[in-house]
Amino acid sequence: MEFSILTDHFGQYLEGFRGTVLSSVLALIGSFIIGTVIAVFRITPVKPLRWFGTGYVEFIRNIPLLLVVYVFFYGPSALGFTLDGFKAGTIGLTVYTSAFIAEAIRAGIVAVPKGQMEAARSSGLSYMQTMTHVILPQAIKLVIPPLGNQFINLIKNSSVLTLVAGLDLMYFADGISTETYRTFDTYIFVALFYLVLTLPLSYGVRVWERRLHRKY
């Protein structure tokens, strides 16, 4: 393995790493918020919201991530404005991941005993107050492992940004590979940068899960 590729192009690797981290963090926050809202829609007694939530999840989950990103990259031009590769890729990644997070949280909500909802409502809490303060905290605790897996998948899926010039790790790696003709070595170092992100997150999820189970 030619380590000079890493040392000679470390600035490019670092810039791509920053892009990947920023995109992943923004998409993680956005997809968690959207996914939580959609999960609540999926089990709400209000039929239009339930239909919307179901349609959203089923549609997004059954189309490729690349297609979602392309929609946000090429679609806005029909409306008279454009999004650069980073913005389009991050929004597409957010929307795509939110559908999977919604299903994970919905499964957690369903797993919470129904008596919790009934007891909270009988004590005078509204439906939304019950969901926010009683059901969701318990549901999220139950689905920490699948949520952690989705967040790890999100980081790996961020490589799709390279296809719309999103200035991520893979985008800069493509340039380094073209310049050096050392494809294998170039992408091995990329894999190490991804591991720097995914391994601590995987460990952190396990630690968080153990602490929550001890607490509750």
N, C-alpha and C. Protein backbone atom coordinates (compact mmCIF):
# COMPACT_ATOMS: atom_id res chain seq x y z
N MET A 1 0.85 -1.20 0.00
CA MET A 1 0.00 0.00 0.00
C MET A 1 0.88 1.25 0.00
N GLU A 2 0.52 2.20 -0.82
CA GLU A 2 1.31 3.41 -0.97
C GLU A 2 0.77 4.50 -0.03
N PHE A 3 1.43 4.66 1.14
CA PHE A 3 0.96 5.61 2.13
C PHE A 3 1.18 7.06 1.71
N SER A 4 2.04 7.27 0.72
CA SER A 4 2.26 8.64 0.24
C SER A 4 1.00 9.23 -0.37
N ILE A 5 0.09 8.37 -0.82
CA ILE A 5 -1.17 8.88 -1.37
C ILE A 5 -1.94 9.62 -0.28
N LEU A 6 -1.94 9.06 0.92
CA LEU A 6 -2.62 9.71 2.04
C LEU A 6 -1.91 10.98 2.46
N THR A 7 -0.60 10.90 2.59
CA THR A 7 0.14 12.08 3.06
C THR A 7 0.15 13.20 2.03
N ASP A 8 0.30 12.85 0.76
CA ASP A 8 0.38 13.87 -0.29
C ASP A 8 -0.97 14.52 -0.56
N HIS A 9 -2.05 13.80 -0.29
CA HIS A 9 -3.39 14.32 -0.59
C HIS A 9 -4.24 14.43 0.67
N PHE A 10 -3.58 14.58 1.81
CA PHE A 10 -4.33 14.61 3.07
C PHE A 10 -5.31 15.77 3.12
N GLY A 11 -4.93 16.91 2.56
CA GLY A 11 -5.84 18.06 2.54
C GLY A 11 -7.13 17.77 1.81
N GLN A 12 -7.04 17.04 0.69
CA GLN A 12 -8.24 16.68 -0.06
C GLN A 12 -9.08 15.67 0.71
N TYR A 13 -8.40 14.69 1.30
CA TYR A 13 -9.14 13.73 2.13
C TYR A 13 -9.86 14.44 3.27
N LEU A 14 -9.17 15.38 3.90
CA LEU A 14 -9.74 16.07 5.05
C LEU A 14 -10.94 16.93 4.63
N GLU A 15 -10.82 17.59 3.48
CA GLU A 15 -11.95 18.40 2.99
C GLU A 15 -13.15 17.52 2.69
N GLY A 16 -12.90 16.36 2.08
CA GLY A 16 -14.00 15.43 1.82
C GLY A 16 -14.59 14.88 3.10
N PHE A 17 -13.73 14.61 4.07
CA PHE A 17 -14.20 14.12 5.37
C PHE A 17 -15.11 15.14 6.04
N ARG A 18 -14.72 16.41 5.98
CA ARG A 18 -15.56 17.46 6.56
C ARG A 18 -16.92 17.52 5.85
N GLY A 19 -16.90 17.40 4.53
CA GLY A 19 -18.17 17.41 3.81
C GLY A 19 -19.06 16.25 4.18
N THR A 20 -18.45 15.07 4.33
CA THR A 20 -19.22 13.88 4.72
C THR A 20 -19.80 14.04 6.12
N VAL A 21 -18.98 14.55 7.05
CA VAL A 21 -19.45 14.75 8.42
C VAL A 21 -20.59 15.75 8.46
N LEU A 22 -20.43 16.88 7.79
CA LEU A 22 -21.46 17.92 7.82
C LEU A 22 -22.75 17.41 7.21
N SER A 23 -22.66 16.77 6.05
CA SER A 23 -23.86 16.23 5.41
C SER A 23 -24.54 15.20 6.29
N SER A 24 -23.74 14.32 6.90
CA SER A 24 -24.30 13.25 7.74
C SER A 24 -24.99 13.82 8.98
N VAL A 25 -24.37 14.81 9.62
CA VAL A 25 -24.96 15.40 10.82
C VAL A 25 -26.27 16.10 10.48
N LEU A 26 -26.27 16.89 9.42
CA LEU A 26 -27.50 17.59 9.02
C LEU A 26 -28.60 16.60 8.65
N ALA A 27 -28.23 15.57 7.90
CA ALA A 27 -29.22 14.58 7.49
C ALA A 27 -29.71 13.77 8.69
N LEU A 28 -28.82 13.49 9.63
CA LEU A 28 -29.22 12.75 10.83
C LEU A 28 -30.26 13.52 11.63
N ILE A 29 -29.99 14.80 11.87
CA ILE A 29 -30.93 15.63 12.64
C ILE A 29 -32.25 15.75 11.89
N GLY A 30 -32.16 16.08 10.60
CA GLY A 30 -33.37 16.27 9.82
C GLY A 30 -34.20 15.01 9.69
N SER A 31 -33.54 13.88 9.42
CA SER A 31 -34.29 12.64 9.23
C SER A 31 -34.92 12.16 10.53
N PHE A 32 -34.25 12.42 11.66
CA PHE A 32 -34.84 12.02 12.95
C PHE A 32 -36.10 12.84 13.24
N ILE A 33 -36.05 14.14 12.98
CA ILE A 33 -37.22 14.99 13.22
C ILE A 33 -38.36 14.60 12.30
N ILE A 34 -38.07 14.50 11.00
CA ILE A 34 -39.11 14.14 10.03
C ILE A 34 -39.63 12.73 10.31
N GLY A 35 -38.72 11.80 10.58
CA GLY A 35 -39.13 10.43 10.85
C GLY A 35 -40.03 10.31 12.06
N THR A 36 -39.74 11.09 13.10
CA THR A 36 -40.58 11.06 14.30
C THR A 36 -41.98 11.57 13.99
N VAL A 37 -42.07 12.66 13.24
CA VAL A 37 -43.37 13.21 12.86
C VAL A 37 -44.15 12.21 12.02
N ILE A 38 -43.48 11.61 11.04
CA ILE A 38 -44.16 10.64 10.18
C ILE A 38 -44.60 9.41 10.97
N ALA A 39 -43.79 8.99 11.95
CA ALA A 39 -44.16 7.85 12.78
C ALA A 39 -45.44 8.14 13.56
N VAL A 40 -45.56 9.35 14.09
CA VAL A 40 -46.78 9.74 14.81
C VAL A 40 -47.96 9.78 13.84
N PHE A 41 -47.74 10.28 12.62
CA PHE A 41 -48.80 10.28 11.61
C PHE A 41 -49.27 8.86 11.33
N ARG A 42 -48.33 7.91 11.34
CA ARG A 42 -48.66 6.53 10.97
C ARG A 42 -49.63 5.88 11.93
N ILE A 43 -49.68 6.35 13.18
CA ILE A 43 -50.54 5.69 14.16
C ILE A 43 -51.61 6.65 14.72
N THR A 44 -51.70 7.84 14.14
CA THR A 44 -52.70 8.79 14.61
C THR A 44 -54.11 8.36 14.23
N PRO A 45 -55.11 8.69 15.05
CA PRO A 45 -56.49 8.36 14.67
C PRO A 45 -57.04 9.25 13.55
N VAL A 46 -56.32 10.30 13.20
CA VAL A 46 -56.77 11.18 12.11
C VAL A 46 -56.42 10.53 10.78
N LYS A 47 -57.41 10.07 10.04
CA LYS A 47 -57.17 9.27 8.85
C LYS A 47 -56.33 9.96 7.77
N PRO A 48 -56.58 11.23 7.42
CA PRO A 48 -55.75 11.86 6.38
C PRO A 48 -54.26 11.87 6.73
N LEU A 49 -53.96 12.14 8.00
CA LEU A 49 -52.56 12.13 8.42
C LEU A 49 -52.00 10.72 8.38
N ARG A 50 -52.79 9.74 8.78
CA ARG A 50 -52.34 8.36 8.75
C ARG A 50 -52.09 7.90 7.31
N TRP A 51 -52.97 8.29 6.41
CA TRP A 51 -52.78 7.94 5.00
C TRP A 51 -51.52 8.61 4.43
N PHE A 52 -51.32 9.86 4.80
CA PHE A 52 -50.12 10.56 4.33
C PHE A 52 -48.86 9.89 4.84
N GLY A 53 -48.84 9.56 6.14
CA GLY A 53 -47.67 8.91 6.72
C GLY A 53 -47.37 7.57 6.07
N THR A 54 -48.42 6.79 5.85
CA THR A 54 -48.25 5.48 5.22
C THR A 54 -47.75 5.64 3.79
N GLY A 55 -48.35 6.56 3.05
CA GLY A 55 -47.94 6.79 1.66
C GLY A 55 -46.50 7.26 1.58
N TYR A 56 -46.11 8.15 2.48
CA TYR A 56 -44.75 8.68 2.50
C TYR A 56 -43.74 7.55 2.70
N VAL A 57 -43.98 6.73 3.71
CA VAL A 57 -43.04 5.66 4.04
C VAL A 57 -42.96 4.64 2.90
N GLU A 58 -44.11 4.20 2.41
CA GLU A 58 -44.11 3.17 1.38
C GLU A 58 -43.49 3.67 0.08
N PHE A 59 -43.72 4.93 -0.26
CA PHE A 59 -43.16 5.47 -1.50
C PHE A 59 -41.65 5.63 -1.40
N ILE A 60 -41.19 6.28 -0.34
CA ILE A 60 -39.76 6.57 -0.21
C ILE A 60 -38.94 5.29 -0.03
N ARG A 61 -39.44 4.36 0.76
CA ARG A 61 -38.67 3.14 1.04
C ARG A 61 -38.52 2.25 -0.19
N ASN A 62 -39.37 2.41 -1.16
CA ASN A 62 -39.37 1.50 -2.31
C ASN A 62 -38.83 2.12 -3.59
N ILE A 63 -38.11 3.23 -3.46
CA ILE A 63 -37.39 3.78 -4.60
C ILE A 63 -35.91 3.94 -4.21
N PRO A 64 -35.00 3.92 -5.18
CA PRO A 64 -33.57 4.01 -4.85
C PRO A 64 -33.20 5.38 -4.27
N LEU A 65 -32.22 5.37 -3.38
CA LEU A 65 -31.71 6.61 -2.81
C LEU A 65 -31.21 7.55 -3.89
N LEU A 66 -30.53 7.01 -4.89
CA LEU A 66 -29.99 7.85 -5.96
C LEU A 66 -31.09 8.61 -6.67
N LEU A 67 -32.23 7.96 -6.87
CA LEU A 67 -33.34 8.63 -7.53
C LEU A 67 -33.86 9.79 -6.69
N VAL A 68 -33.93 9.60 -5.39
CA VAL A 68 -34.37 10.68 -4.50
C VAL A 68 -33.42 11.87 -4.59
N VAL A 69 -32.12 11.59 -4.58
CA VAL A 69 -31.12 12.66 -4.69
C VAL A 69 -31.24 13.38 -6.02
N TYR A 70 -31.43 12.61 -7.11
CA TYR A 70 -31.57 13.23 -8.43
C TYR A 70 -32.80 14.13 -8.51
N VAL A 71 -33.86 13.74 -7.82
CA VAL A 71 -35.07 14.57 -7.83
C VAL A 71 -34.77 15.95 -7.26
N PHE A 72 -34.03 15.98 -6.17
CA PHE A 72 -33.71 17.26 -5.54
C PHE A 72 -32.59 18.01 -6.27
N PHE A 73 -31.78 17.28 -7.05
CA PHE A 73 -30.71 17.94 -7.79
C PHE A 73 -31.21 18.53 -9.11
N TYR A 74 -32.02 17.76 -9.83
CA TYR A 74 -32.50 18.22 -11.13
C TYR A 74 -33.90 18.84 -11.07
N GLY A 75 -34.71 18.42 -10.11
CA GLY A 75 -36.09 18.88 -10.04
C GLY A 75 -36.27 20.38 -9.85
N PRO A 76 -35.52 21.02 -8.94
CA PRO A 76 -35.74 22.45 -8.70
C PRO A 76 -35.58 23.35 -9.92
N SER A 77 -34.80 22.89 -10.91
CA SER A 77 -34.62 23.72 -12.11
C SER A 77 -35.94 23.95 -12.83
N ALA A 78 -36.87 23.01 -12.70
CA ALA A 78 -38.19 23.18 -13.31
C ALA A 78 -39.00 24.26 -12.60
N LEU A 79 -38.61 24.58 -11.36
CA LEU A 79 -39.30 25.61 -10.58
C LEU A 79 -38.57 26.95 -10.61
N GLY A 80 -37.48 26.99 -11.36
CA GLY A 80 -36.78 28.26 -11.54
C GLY A 80 -35.62 28.51 -10.61
N PHE A 81 -35.19 27.50 -9.85
CA PHE A 81 -34.01 27.68 -9.00
C PHE A 81 -33.22 26.38 -8.98
N THR A 82 -32.02 26.42 -8.45
CA THR A 82 -31.17 25.24 -8.43
C THR A 82 -30.60 25.01 -7.03
N LEU A 83 -30.25 23.77 -6.78
CA LEU A 83 -29.56 23.39 -5.55
C LEU A 83 -28.22 22.79 -5.95
N ASP A 84 -27.16 23.16 -5.23
CA ASP A 84 -25.86 22.56 -5.53
C ASP A 84 -25.86 21.10 -5.05
N GLY A 85 -24.81 20.39 -5.43
CA GLY A 85 -24.76 18.96 -5.13
C GLY A 85 -24.81 18.65 -3.66
N PHE A 86 -24.16 19.46 -2.85
CA PHE A 86 -24.15 19.21 -1.40
C PHE A 86 -25.56 19.34 -0.83
N LYS A 87 -26.25 20.43 -1.17
CA LYS A 87 -27.59 20.66 -0.63
C LYS A 87 -28.57 19.60 -1.13
N ALA A 88 -28.54 19.34 -2.42
CA ALA A 88 -29.46 18.35 -2.99
C ALA A 88 -29.20 16.97 -2.40
N GLY A 89 -27.92 16.60 -2.29
CA GLY A 89 -27.59 15.29 -1.73
C GLY A 89 -27.99 15.16 -0.28
N THR A 90 -27.77 16.21 0.50
CA THR A 90 -28.12 16.17 1.92
C THR A 90 -29.62 16.10 2.12
N ILE A 91 -30.37 16.88 1.34
CA ILE A 91 -31.83 16.83 1.44
C ILE A 91 -32.35 15.47 1.02
N GLY A 92 -31.83 14.94 -0.08
CA GLY A 92 -32.25 13.61 -0.53
C GLY A 92 -31.94 12.54 0.49
N LEU A 93 -30.76 12.62 1.09
CA LEU A 93 -30.37 11.67 2.13
C LEU A 93 -31.28 11.78 3.34
N THR A 94 -31.65 13.00 3.69
CA THR A 94 -32.55 13.24 4.82
C THR A 94 -33.92 12.62 4.58
N VAL A 95 -34.49 12.91 3.43
CA VAL A 95 -35.82 12.40 3.09
C VAL A 95 -35.82 10.87 3.04
N TYR A 96 -34.82 10.31 2.39
CA TYR A 96 -34.75 8.86 2.25
C TYR A 96 -34.63 8.18 3.61
N THR A 97 -33.71 8.65 4.44
CA THR A 97 -33.49 8.01 5.74
C THR A 97 -34.68 8.19 6.67
N SER A 98 -35.38 9.32 6.54
CA SER A 98 -36.52 9.58 7.44
C SER A 98 -37.59 8.51 7.34
N ALA A 99 -37.77 7.92 6.15
CA ALA A 99 -38.79 6.89 5.99
C ALA A 99 -38.45 5.65 6.82
N PHE A 100 -37.16 5.29 6.85
CA PHE A 100 -36.74 4.11 7.62
C PHE A 100 -36.77 4.40 9.12
N ILE A 101 -36.41 5.61 9.49
CA ILE A 101 -36.47 5.99 10.90
C ILE A 101 -37.92 6.01 11.37
N ALA A 102 -38.82 6.48 10.52
CA ALA A 102 -40.24 6.51 10.86
C ALA A 102 -40.76 5.12 11.18
N GLU A 103 -40.36 4.13 10.40
CA GLU A 103 -40.82 2.77 10.64
C GLU A 103 -40.23 2.21 11.94
N ALA A 104 -38.98 2.55 12.21
CA ALA A 104 -38.36 2.08 13.45
C ALA A 104 -39.08 2.67 14.66
N ILE A 105 -39.35 3.97 14.61
CA ILE A 105 -40.02 4.62 15.75
C ILE A 105 -41.46 4.15 15.87
N ARG A 106 -42.12 3.94 14.74
CA ARG A 106 -43.49 3.43 14.78
C ARG A 106 -43.54 2.07 15.48
N ALA A 107 -42.54 1.22 15.17
CA ALA A 107 -42.48 -0.09 15.83
C ALA A 107 -42.31 0.07 17.33
N GLY A 108 -41.52 1.07 17.74
CA GLY A 108 -41.36 1.33 19.16
C GLY A 108 -42.64 1.82 19.81
N ILE A 109 -43.37 2.68 19.11
CA ILE A 109 -44.64 3.20 19.64
C ILE A 109 -45.63 2.06 19.84
N VAL A 110 -45.70 1.18 18.84
CA VAL A 110 -46.64 0.05 18.92
C VAL A 110 -46.27 -0.88 20.08
N ALA A 111 -44.96 -0.97 20.38
CA ALA A 111 -44.51 -1.86 21.44
C ALA A 111 -44.80 -1.33 22.84
N VAL A 112 -45.07 -0.03 22.96
CA VAL A 112 -45.41 0.53 24.26
C VAL A 112 -46.81 0.05 24.65
N PRO A 113 -47.00 -0.47 25.86
CA PRO A 113 -48.32 -0.97 26.27
C PRO A 113 -49.42 0.08 26.07
N LYS A 114 -50.57 -0.35 25.57
CA LYS A 114 -51.68 0.57 25.31
C LYS A 114 -52.17 1.26 26.58
N GLY A 115 -51.97 0.61 27.70
CA GLY A 115 -52.40 1.20 28.95
C GLY A 115 -51.71 2.52 29.25
N GLN A 116 -50.51 2.71 28.70
CA GLN A 116 -49.79 3.96 28.90
C GLN A 116 -50.56 5.13 28.28
N MET A 117 -51.04 4.92 27.06
CA MET A 117 -51.82 5.95 26.39
C MET A 117 -53.12 6.22 27.12
N GLU A 118 -53.80 5.17 27.51
CA GLU A 118 -55.08 5.32 28.19
C GLU A 118 -54.92 6.03 29.53
N ALA A 119 -53.88 5.68 30.28
CA ALA A 119 -53.66 6.30 31.58
C ALA A 119 -53.34 7.78 31.43
N ALA A 120 -52.52 8.12 30.42
CA ALA A 120 -52.14 9.52 30.21
C ALA A 120 -53.34 10.34 29.77
N ARG A 121 -54.16 9.78 28.88
CA ARG A 121 -55.33 10.53 28.42
C ARG A 121 -56.35 10.71 29.54
N SER A 122 -56.49 9.70 30.37
CA SER A 122 -57.46 9.80 31.47
C SER A 122 -57.01 10.80 32.53
N SER A 123 -55.70 11.10 32.56
CA SER A 123 -55.20 12.08 33.52
C SER A 123 -55.31 13.51 33.01
N GLY A 124 -55.84 13.67 31.80
CA GLY A 124 -56.09 15.00 31.26
C GLY A 124 -55.13 15.46 30.19
N LEU A 125 -54.15 14.65 29.82
CA LEU A 125 -53.21 15.03 28.76
C LEU A 125 -53.87 14.89 27.40
N SER A 126 -53.53 15.79 26.49
CA SER A 126 -54.02 15.69 25.12
C SER A 126 -53.27 14.57 24.39
N TYR A 127 -53.74 14.26 23.19
CA TYR A 127 -53.09 13.20 22.42
C TYR A 127 -51.63 13.55 22.16
N MET A 128 -51.35 14.79 21.71
CA MET A 128 -49.99 15.20 21.40
C MET A 128 -49.12 15.26 22.65
N GLN A 129 -49.69 15.73 23.76
CA GLN A 129 -48.93 15.74 25.01
C GLN A 129 -48.57 14.33 25.43
N THR A 130 -49.50 13.42 25.28
CA THR A 130 -49.24 12.02 25.63
C THR A 130 -48.13 11.44 24.77
N MET A 131 -48.21 11.71 23.46
CA MET A 131 -47.18 11.20 22.57
C MET A 131 -45.82 11.79 22.91
N THR A 132 -45.77 13.08 23.16
CA THR A 132 -44.50 13.78 23.37
C THR A 132 -43.86 13.41 24.70
N HIS A 133 -44.66 13.35 25.76
CA HIS A 133 -44.10 13.20 27.11
C HIS A 133 -44.15 11.77 27.66
N VAL A 134 -44.98 10.93 27.08
CA VAL A 134 -45.15 9.58 27.64
C VAL A 134 -44.73 8.49 26.66
N ILE A 135 -45.30 8.51 25.46
CA ILE A 135 -45.11 7.40 24.52
C ILE A 135 -43.76 7.45 23.81
N LEU A 136 -43.45 8.60 23.20
CA LEU A 136 -42.23 8.69 22.40
C LEU A 136 -40.94 8.41 23.19
N PRO A 137 -40.81 8.96 24.41
CA PRO A 137 -39.57 8.64 25.16
C PRO A 137 -39.38 7.14 25.37
N GLN A 138 -40.47 6.44 25.66
CA GLN A 138 -40.37 4.99 25.83
C GLN A 138 -40.12 4.29 24.51
N ALA A 139 -40.78 4.75 23.45
CA ALA A 139 -40.63 4.12 22.14
C ALA A 139 -39.21 4.24 21.62
N ILE A 140 -38.62 5.42 21.76
CA ILE A 140 -37.26 5.64 21.26
C ILE A 140 -36.27 4.80 22.03
N LYS A 141 -36.49 4.64 23.34
CA LYS A 141 -35.61 3.78 24.13
C LYS A 141 -35.65 2.35 23.61
N LEU A 142 -36.83 1.89 23.20
CA LEU A 142 -36.98 0.52 22.74
C LEU A 142 -36.30 0.27 21.39
N VAL A 143 -36.16 1.32 20.59
CA VAL A 143 -35.65 1.12 19.22
C VAL A 143 -34.27 1.75 19.01
N ILE A 144 -33.53 1.92 20.08
CA ILE A 144 -32.18 2.48 19.93
C ILE A 144 -31.30 1.65 18.99
N PRO A 145 -31.27 0.32 19.10
CA PRO A 145 -30.42 -0.45 18.16
C PRO A 145 -30.77 -0.23 16.69
N PRO A 146 -32.06 -0.37 16.27
CA PRO A 146 -32.34 -0.10 14.86
C PRO A 146 -32.11 1.34 14.45
N LEU A 147 -32.34 2.29 15.36
CA LEU A 147 -32.04 3.68 15.04
C LEU A 147 -30.54 3.87 14.83
N GLY A 148 -29.75 3.26 15.70
CA GLY A 148 -28.30 3.35 15.54
C GLY A 148 -27.86 2.78 14.21
N ASN A 149 -28.46 1.66 13.81
CA ASN A 149 -28.12 1.06 12.51
C ASN A 149 -28.48 1.99 11.36
N GLN A 150 -29.62 2.66 11.48
CA GLN A 150 -30.02 3.59 10.43
C GLN A 150 -29.06 4.77 10.34
N PHE A 151 -28.60 5.25 11.48
CA PHE A 151 -27.66 6.37 11.47
C PHE A 151 -26.32 5.95 10.85
N ILE A 152 -25.90 4.73 11.13
CA ILE A 152 -24.67 4.23 10.51
C ILE A 152 -24.85 4.07 9.00
N ASN A 153 -26.00 3.54 8.60
CA ASN A 153 -26.30 3.43 7.18
C ASN A 153 -26.33 4.80 6.51
N LEU A 154 -26.84 5.78 7.23
CA LEU A 154 -26.89 7.15 6.69
C LEU A 154 -25.49 7.65 6.35
N ILE A 155 -24.55 7.43 7.26
CA ILE A 155 -23.17 7.87 7.01
C ILE A 155 -22.61 7.19 5.77
N LYS A 156 -22.83 5.89 5.65
CA LYS A 156 -22.32 5.18 4.48
C LYS A 156 -23.05 5.61 3.20
N ASN A 157 -24.35 5.85 3.32
CA ASN A 157 -25.12 6.27 2.15
C ASN A 157 -24.76 7.68 1.69
N SER A 158 -24.10 8.45 2.56
CA SER A 158 -23.72 9.81 2.15
C SER A 158 -22.77 9.80 0.97
N SER A 159 -22.18 8.65 0.67
CA SER A 159 -21.29 8.55 -0.50
C SER A 159 -22.02 8.84 -1.80
N VAL A 160 -23.36 8.81 -1.76
CA VAL A 160 -24.14 9.11 -2.97
C VAL A 160 -23.93 10.56 -3.41
N LEU A 161 -23.48 11.41 -2.51
CA LEU A 161 -23.25 12.81 -2.86
C LEU A 161 -22.23 12.96 -3.98
N THR A 162 -21.32 11.99 -4.10
CA THR A 162 -20.30 12.11 -5.13
C THR A 162 -20.90 12.14 -6.53
N LEU A 163 -22.07 11.54 -6.70
CA LEU A 163 -22.70 11.46 -8.02
C LEU A 163 -23.32 12.78 -8.45
N VAL A 164 -23.46 13.72 -7.50
CA VAL A 164 -23.96 15.05 -7.83
C VAL A 164 -22.94 16.12 -7.44
N ALA A 165 -21.66 15.70 -7.42
CA ALA A 165 -20.57 16.62 -7.05
C ALA A 165 -20.81 17.26 -5.70
N GLY A 166 -21.09 16.41 -4.70
CA GLY A 166 -21.45 16.90 -3.38
C GLY A 166 -20.29 17.20 -2.45
N LEU A 167 -19.05 17.12 -2.96
CA LEU A 167 -17.86 17.49 -2.17
C LEU A 167 -17.71 16.64 -0.91
N ASP A 168 -18.00 15.36 -1.02
CA ASP A 168 -17.84 14.44 0.10
C ASP A 168 -16.55 13.64 -0.08
N LEU A 169 -16.32 12.67 0.79
CA LEU A 169 -15.11 11.85 0.73
C LEU A 169 -14.95 11.16 -0.62
N MET A 170 -16.01 10.54 -1.09
CA MET A 170 -15.91 9.80 -2.34
C MET A 170 -15.65 10.73 -3.52
N TYR A 171 -16.19 11.93 -3.47
CA TYR A 171 -15.97 12.88 -4.56
C TYR A 171 -14.48 13.22 -4.67
N PHE A 172 -13.84 13.53 -3.55
CA PHE A 172 -12.42 13.85 -3.59
C PHE A 172 -11.58 12.61 -3.87
N ALA A 173 -12.03 11.45 -3.40
CA ALA A 173 -11.30 10.21 -3.68
C ALA A 173 -11.28 9.90 -5.17
N ASP A 174 -12.38 10.18 -5.85
CA ASP A 174 -12.42 9.98 -7.30
C ASP A 174 -11.35 10.82 -7.98
N GLY A 175 -11.20 12.07 -7.52
CA GLY A 175 -10.18 12.94 -8.10
C GLY A 175 -8.78 12.45 -7.81
N ILE A 176 -8.55 11.98 -6.59
CA ILE A 176 -7.23 11.46 -6.22
C ILE A 176 -6.90 10.21 -7.02
N SER A 177 -7.89 9.34 -7.18
CA SER A 177 -7.69 8.11 -7.95
C SER A 177 -7.35 8.42 -9.40
N THR A 178 -8.02 9.39 -9.98
CA THR A 178 -7.76 9.78 -11.36
C THR A 178 -6.36 10.37 -11.51
N GLU A 179 -5.95 11.10 -10.51
CA GLU A 179 -4.65 11.75 -10.56
C GLU A 179 -3.49 10.78 -10.34
N THR A 180 -3.67 9.81 -9.43
CA THR A 180 -2.56 8.93 -9.05
C THR A 180 -2.57 7.58 -9.75
N TYR A 181 -3.71 7.19 -10.30
CA TYR A 181 -3.88 5.87 -10.91
C TYR A 181 -3.68 4.74 -9.89
N ARG A 182 -3.86 5.05 -8.61
CA ARG A 182 -3.75 4.04 -7.55
C ARG A 182 -5.13 3.89 -6.90
N THR A 183 -6.02 3.27 -7.65
CA THR A 183 -7.43 3.19 -7.23
C THR A 183 -7.60 2.44 -5.91
N PHE A 184 -6.98 1.27 -5.81
CA PHE A 184 -7.15 0.44 -4.61
C PHE A 184 -6.68 1.19 -3.37
N ASP A 185 -5.48 1.73 -3.41
CA ASP A 185 -4.93 2.43 -2.26
C ASP A 185 -5.79 3.64 -1.89
N THR A 186 -6.23 4.36 -2.90
CA THR A 186 -7.03 5.56 -2.65
C THR A 186 -8.28 5.24 -1.85
N TYR A 187 -8.99 4.19 -2.26
CA TYR A 187 -10.26 3.88 -1.61
C TYR A 187 -10.10 3.12 -0.30
N ILE A 188 -8.97 2.47 -0.09
CA ILE A 188 -8.69 1.87 1.22
C ILE A 188 -8.62 2.97 2.27
N PHE A 189 -7.96 4.07 1.94
CA PHE A 189 -7.87 5.19 2.88
C PHE A 189 -9.24 5.82 3.11
N VAL A 190 -10.06 5.86 2.07
CA VAL A 190 -11.43 6.35 2.23
C VAL A 190 -12.19 5.48 3.23
N ALA A 191 -12.01 4.17 3.13
CA ALA A 191 -12.68 3.26 4.05
C ALA A 191 -12.28 3.54 5.49
N LEU A 192 -11.01 3.86 5.70
CA LEU A 192 -10.55 4.17 7.05
C LEU A 192 -11.21 5.43 7.60
N PHE A 193 -11.40 6.42 6.74
CA PHE A 193 -12.08 7.64 7.18
C PHE A 193 -13.52 7.35 7.57
N TYR A 194 -14.19 6.48 6.80
CA TYR A 194 -15.56 6.12 7.15
C TYR A 194 -15.61 5.36 8.48
N LEU A 195 -14.62 4.50 8.71
CA LEU A 195 -14.58 3.76 9.97
C LEU A 195 -14.39 4.69 11.16
N VAL A 196 -13.67 5.78 10.95
CA VAL A 196 -13.50 6.77 12.02
C VAL A 196 -14.86 7.30 12.48
N LEU A 197 -15.82 7.34 11.57
CA LEU A 197 -17.16 7.83 11.90
C LEU A 197 -18.07 6.72 12.42
N THR A 198 -18.06 5.58 11.75
CA THR A 198 -19.05 4.55 12.05
C THR A 198 -18.72 3.73 13.30
N LEU A 199 -17.46 3.43 13.53
CA LEU A 199 -17.12 2.60 14.69
C LEU A 199 -17.43 3.29 16.03
N PRO A 200 -17.04 4.56 16.22
CA PRO A 200 -17.43 5.22 17.48
C PRO A 200 -18.94 5.34 17.64
N LEU A 201 -19.66 5.58 16.53
CA LEU A 201 -21.12 5.67 16.61
C LEU A 201 -21.71 4.34 17.03
N SER A 202 -21.21 3.26 16.45
CA SER A 202 -21.70 1.93 16.81
C SER A 202 -21.44 1.64 18.28
N TYR A 203 -20.26 1.98 18.75
CA TYR A 203 -19.93 1.77 20.17
C TYR A 203 -20.80 2.66 21.06
N GLY A 204 -20.98 3.92 20.66
CA GLY A 204 -21.78 4.84 21.44
C GLY A 204 -23.23 4.39 21.58
N VAL A 205 -23.79 3.83 20.51
CA VAL A 205 -25.16 3.33 20.56
C VAL A 205 -25.28 2.19 21.56
N ARG A 206 -24.29 1.29 21.57
CA ARG A 206 -24.33 0.17 22.52
C ARG A 206 -24.23 0.66 23.96
N VAL A 207 -23.36 1.63 24.20
CA VAL A 207 -23.21 2.18 25.55
C VAL A 207 -24.49 2.88 25.98
N TRP A 208 -25.07 3.67 25.11
CA TRP A 208 -26.30 4.41 25.41
C TRP A 208 -27.44 3.43 25.72
N GLU A 209 -27.51 2.37 24.93
CA GLU A 209 -28.55 1.37 25.14
C GLU A 209 -28.41 0.72 26.51
N ARG A 210 -27.19 0.35 26.90
CA ARG A 210 -26.98 -0.26 28.22
C ARG A 210 -27.35 0.68 29.35
N ARG A 211 -26.98 1.95 29.21
CA ARG A 211 -27.26 2.93 30.26
C ARG A 211 -28.76 3.15 30.42
N LEU A 212 -29.46 3.21 29.31
CA LEU A 212 -30.91 3.43 29.38
C LEU A 212 -31.61 2.25 30.03
N HIS A 213 -31.15 1.04 29.71
CA HIS A 213 -31.77 -0.13 30.30
C HIS A 213 -31.50 -0.20 31.80
N ARG A 214 -30.31 0.24 32.22
CA ARG A 214 -30.05 0.29 33.65
C ARG A 214 -30.88 1.34 34.35
N LYS A 215 -31.09 2.47 33.65
CA LYS A 215 -31.85 3.58 34.23
C LYS A 215 -33.31 3.22 34.39
N TYR A 216 -33.85 2.51 33.39
CA TYR A 216 -35.27 2.20 33.44
C TYR A 216 -35.53 0.77 33.91
